[in-house]
């Protein structure tokens, strides 16, 4: 895939691959106790979808909190795909906000 010179956005999968260990280590120190009480991933996927429907991205912090808890408890593969769909649907600004909010 070629990118125009004014498009600095790297591949979402490359970003996720390079940040997932960072996310894991942040969550291990910050969210371990809360994450232990988390239910199955599908519950979070439906909650994320509900947030999109109900709030139309007005509650990004809540949405990303669910995503982060899901990432901690479950494998990255399904969430990589889900985040890719989010970015494709709602534009890269959403993922940029995710990165700047949680990976500072």
C-alpha atoms as a PDB file:
ATOM      1  CA  UNK A   1       0.000   0.000   0.000  1.00  0.00           C
ATOM      2  CA  UNK A   2       1.527   3.300  -1.037  1.00  0.00           C
ATOM      3  CA  UNK A   3       0.943   6.416   1.010  1.00  0.00           C
ATOM      4  CA  UNK A   4       1.002   9.980  -0.170  1.00  0.00           C
ATOM      5  CA  UNK A   5       3.670  12.159   1.397  1.00  0.00           C
ATOM      6  CA  UNK A   6       1.084  14.145   3.359  1.00  0.00           C
ATOM      7  CA  UNK A   7      -0.343  10.938   4.879  1.00  0.00           C
ATOM      8  CA  UNK A   8       1.821  10.219   7.912  1.00  0.00           C
ATOM      9  CA  UNK A   9      -0.572   7.652   9.415  1.00  0.00           C
ATOM     10  CA  UNK A  10       1.175   4.264   9.628  1.00  0.00           C
ATOM     11  CA  UNK A  11      -0.655   0.973   9.330  1.00  0.00           C
ATOM     12  CA  UNK A  12      -3.025   0.347  12.239  1.00  0.00           C
ATOM     13  CA  UNK A  13      -1.731  -3.197  12.579  1.00  0.00           C
ATOM     14  CA  UNK A  14       1.848  -1.917  12.794  1.00  0.00           C
ATOM     15  CA  UNK A  15       0.841   0.543  15.506  1.00  0.00           C
ATOM     16  CA  UNK A  16      -0.967  -2.156  17.448  1.00  0.00           C
ATOM     17  CA  UNK A  17       1.912  -4.584  17.070  1.00  0.00           C
ATOM     18  CA  UNK A  18       4.377  -2.022  18.394  1.00  0.00           C
ATOM     19  CA  UNK A  19       2.186  -0.832  21.262  1.00  0.00           C
ATOM     20  CA  UNK A  20       0.483  -3.969  22.537  1.00  0.00           C
ATOM     21  CA  UNK A  21       3.321  -4.933  24.898  1.00  0.00           C
ATOM     22  CA  UNK A  22       3.380  -1.362  26.192  1.00  0.00           C
ATOM     23  CA  UNK A  23      -0.374  -1.544  26.774  1.00  0.00           C
ATOM     24  CA  UNK A  24       0.001  -4.898  28.514  1.00  0.00           C
ATOM     25  CA  UNK A  25       2.674  -3.612  30.887  1.00  0.00           C
ATOM     26  CA  UNK A  26       0.676  -0.459  31.693  1.00  0.00           C
ATOM     27  CA  UNK A  27      -2.387  -2.562  32.396  1.00  0.00           C
ATOM     28  CA  UNK A  28      -0.421  -5.030  34.473  1.00  0.00           C
ATOM     29  CA  UNK A  29       0.535  -2.260  36.872  1.00  0.00           C
ATOM     30  CA  UNK A  30      -2.591  -0.073  36.684  1.00  0.00           C
ATOM     31  CA  UNK A  31      -5.580  -2.346  36.111  1.00  0.00           C
ATOM     32  CA  UNK A  32      -4.678  -5.788  37.390  1.00  0.00           C
ATOM     33  CA  UNK A  33      -7.154  -5.931  40.255  1.00  0.00           C
ATOM     34  CA  UNK A  34     -10.054  -4.523  38.239  1.00  0.00           C
ATOM     35  CA  UNK A  35      -9.275  -6.700  35.241  1.00  0.00           C
ATOM     36  CA  UNK A  36      -9.512  -9.868  37.329  1.00  0.00           C
ATOM     37  CA  UNK A  37     -13.232  -9.275  37.760  1.00  0.00           C
ATOM     38  CA  UNK A  38     -13.889  -8.770  34.053  1.00  0.00           C
ATOM     39  CA  UNK A  39     -16.279 -11.061  32.181  1.00  0.00           C
ATOM     40  CA  UNK A  40     -15.899 -12.581  28.744  1.00  0.00           C
ATOM     41  CA  UNK A  41     -14.676 -10.467  25.830  1.00  0.00           C
ATOM     42  CA  UNK A  42     -18.029 -10.569  24.027  1.00  0.00           C
ATOM     43  CA  UNK A  43     -19.613  -8.606  26.865  1.00  0.00           C
ATOM     44  CA  UNK A  44     -17.134  -5.783  26.275  1.00  0.00           C
ATOM     45  CA  UNK A  45     -17.563  -5.867  22.523  1.00  0.00           C
ATOM     46  CA  UNK A  46     -21.309  -5.388  22.994  1.00  0.00           C
ATOM     47  CA  UNK A  47     -20.724  -2.634  25.548  1.00  0.00           C
ATOM     48  CA  UNK A  48     -18.361  -0.851  23.154  1.00  0.00           C
ATOM     49  CA  UNK A  49     -20.930  -1.143  20.378  1.00  0.00           C
ATOM     50  CA  UNK A  50     -23.616   0.157  22.730  1.00  0.00           C
ATOM     51  CA  UNK A  51     -21.452   3.160  23.571  1.00  0.00           C
ATOM     52  CA  UNK A  52     -21.075   3.945  19.887  1.00  0.00           C
ATOM     53  CA  UNK A  53     -24.810   3.679  19.359  1.00  0.00           C
ATOM     54  CA  UNK A  54     -25.843   5.563  22.500  1.00  0.00           C
ATOM     55  CA  UNK A  55     -23.188   8.244  22.659  1.00  0.00           C
ATOM     56  CA  UNK A  56     -21.713   8.339  19.151  1.00  0.00           C
ATOM     57  CA  UNK A  57     -18.165   8.737  20.415  1.00  0.00           C
ATOM     58  CA  UNK A  58     -19.083  11.381  22.973  1.00  0.00           C
ATOM     59  CA  UNK A  59     -17.878   9.019  25.675  1.00  0.00           C
ATOM     60  CA  UNK A  60     -14.517   7.931  24.288  1.00  0.00           C
ATOM     61  CA  UNK A  61     -12.880   7.487  27.672  1.00  0.00           C
ATOM     62  CA  UNK A  62     -15.520   4.993  28.771  1.00  0.00           C
ATOM     63  CA  UNK A  63     -15.244   3.149  25.465  1.00  0.00           C
ATOM     64  CA  UNK A  64     -11.462   2.883  25.701  1.00  0.00           C
ATOM     65  CA  UNK A  65     -11.682   1.777  29.318  1.00  0.00           C
ATOM     66  CA  UNK A  66     -13.752  -1.187  28.148  1.00  0.00           C
ATOM     67  CA  UNK A  67     -11.282  -1.847  25.335  1.00  0.00           C
ATOM     68  CA  UNK A  68      -8.319  -1.750  27.696  1.00  0.00           C
ATOM     69  CA  UNK A  69      -9.954  -4.129  30.161  1.00  0.00           C
ATOM     70  CA  UNK A  70     -10.759  -6.494  27.291  1.00  0.00           C
ATOM     71  CA  UNK A  71      -7.190  -6.326  26.019  1.00  0.00           C
ATOM     72  CA  UNK A  72      -5.845  -7.196  29.451  1.00  0.00           C
ATOM     73  CA  UNK A  73      -8.036 -10.251  29.852  1.00  0.00           C
ATOM     74  CA  UNK A  74      -8.156 -11.560  26.288  1.00  0.00           C
ATOM     75  CA  UNK A  75      -5.846 -12.075  23.358  1.00  0.00           C
ATOM     76  CA  UNK A  76      -5.012  -9.163  21.106  1.00  0.00           C
ATOM     77  CA  UNK A  77      -6.095 -10.743  17.838  1.00  0.00           C
ATOM     78  CA  UNK A  78      -9.845 -10.113  17.990  1.00  0.00           C
ATOM     79  CA  UNK A  79      -9.357  -6.648  19.458  1.00  0.00           C
ATOM     80  CA  UNK A  80      -6.822  -5.728  16.780  1.00  0.00           C
ATOM     81  CA  UNK A  81      -9.474  -6.535  14.205  1.00  0.00           C
ATOM     82  CA  UNK A  82     -12.146  -4.710  16.188  1.00  0.00           C
ATOM     83  CA  UNK A  83     -10.001  -1.589  16.617  1.00  0.00           C
ATOM     84  CA  UNK A  84      -9.199  -1.692  12.904  1.00  0.00           C
ATOM     85  CA  UNK A  85     -12.930  -1.665  12.181  1.00  0.00           C
ATOM     86  CA  UNK A  86     -13.431   1.230  14.599  1.00  0.00           C
ATOM     87  CA  UNK A  87     -10.726   3.246  12.874  1.00  0.00           C
ATOM     88  CA  UNK A  88     -12.053   2.471   9.410  1.00  0.00           C
ATOM     89  CA  UNK A  89     -15.547   3.462  10.475  1.00  0.00           C
ATOM     90  CA  UNK A  90     -14.839   6.493  12.621  1.00  0.00           C
ATOM     91  CA  UNK A  91     -11.517   7.741  11.143  1.00  0.00           C
ATOM     92  CA  UNK A  92      -7.985   7.635  12.441  1.00  0.00           C
ATOM     93  CA  UNK A  93      -8.682  10.477  14.882  1.00  0.00           C
ATOM     94  CA  UNK A  94     -10.305   7.955  17.205  1.00  0.00           C
ATOM     95  CA  UNK A  95      -7.244   5.735  17.296  1.00  0.00           C
ATOM     96  CA  UNK A  96      -4.973   8.776  17.627  1.00  0.00           C
ATOM     97  CA  UNK A  97      -6.949   9.739  20.718  1.00  0.00           C
ATOM     98  CA  UNK A  98      -6.572   6.201  22.041  1.00  0.00           C
ATOM     99  CA  UNK A  99      -2.797   6.361  21.603  1.00  0.00           C
ATOM    100  CA  UNK A 100      -2.389   9.825  23.108  1.00  0.00           C
ATOM    101  CA  UNK A 101      -4.713   9.066  26.023  1.00  0.00           C
ATOM    102  CA  UNK A 102      -3.311   5.711  27.112  1.00  0.00           C
ATOM    103  CA  UNK A 103       0.252   5.543  25.780  1.00  0.00           C
ATOM    104  CA  UNK A 104       1.644   8.888  26.945  1.00  0.00           C
END
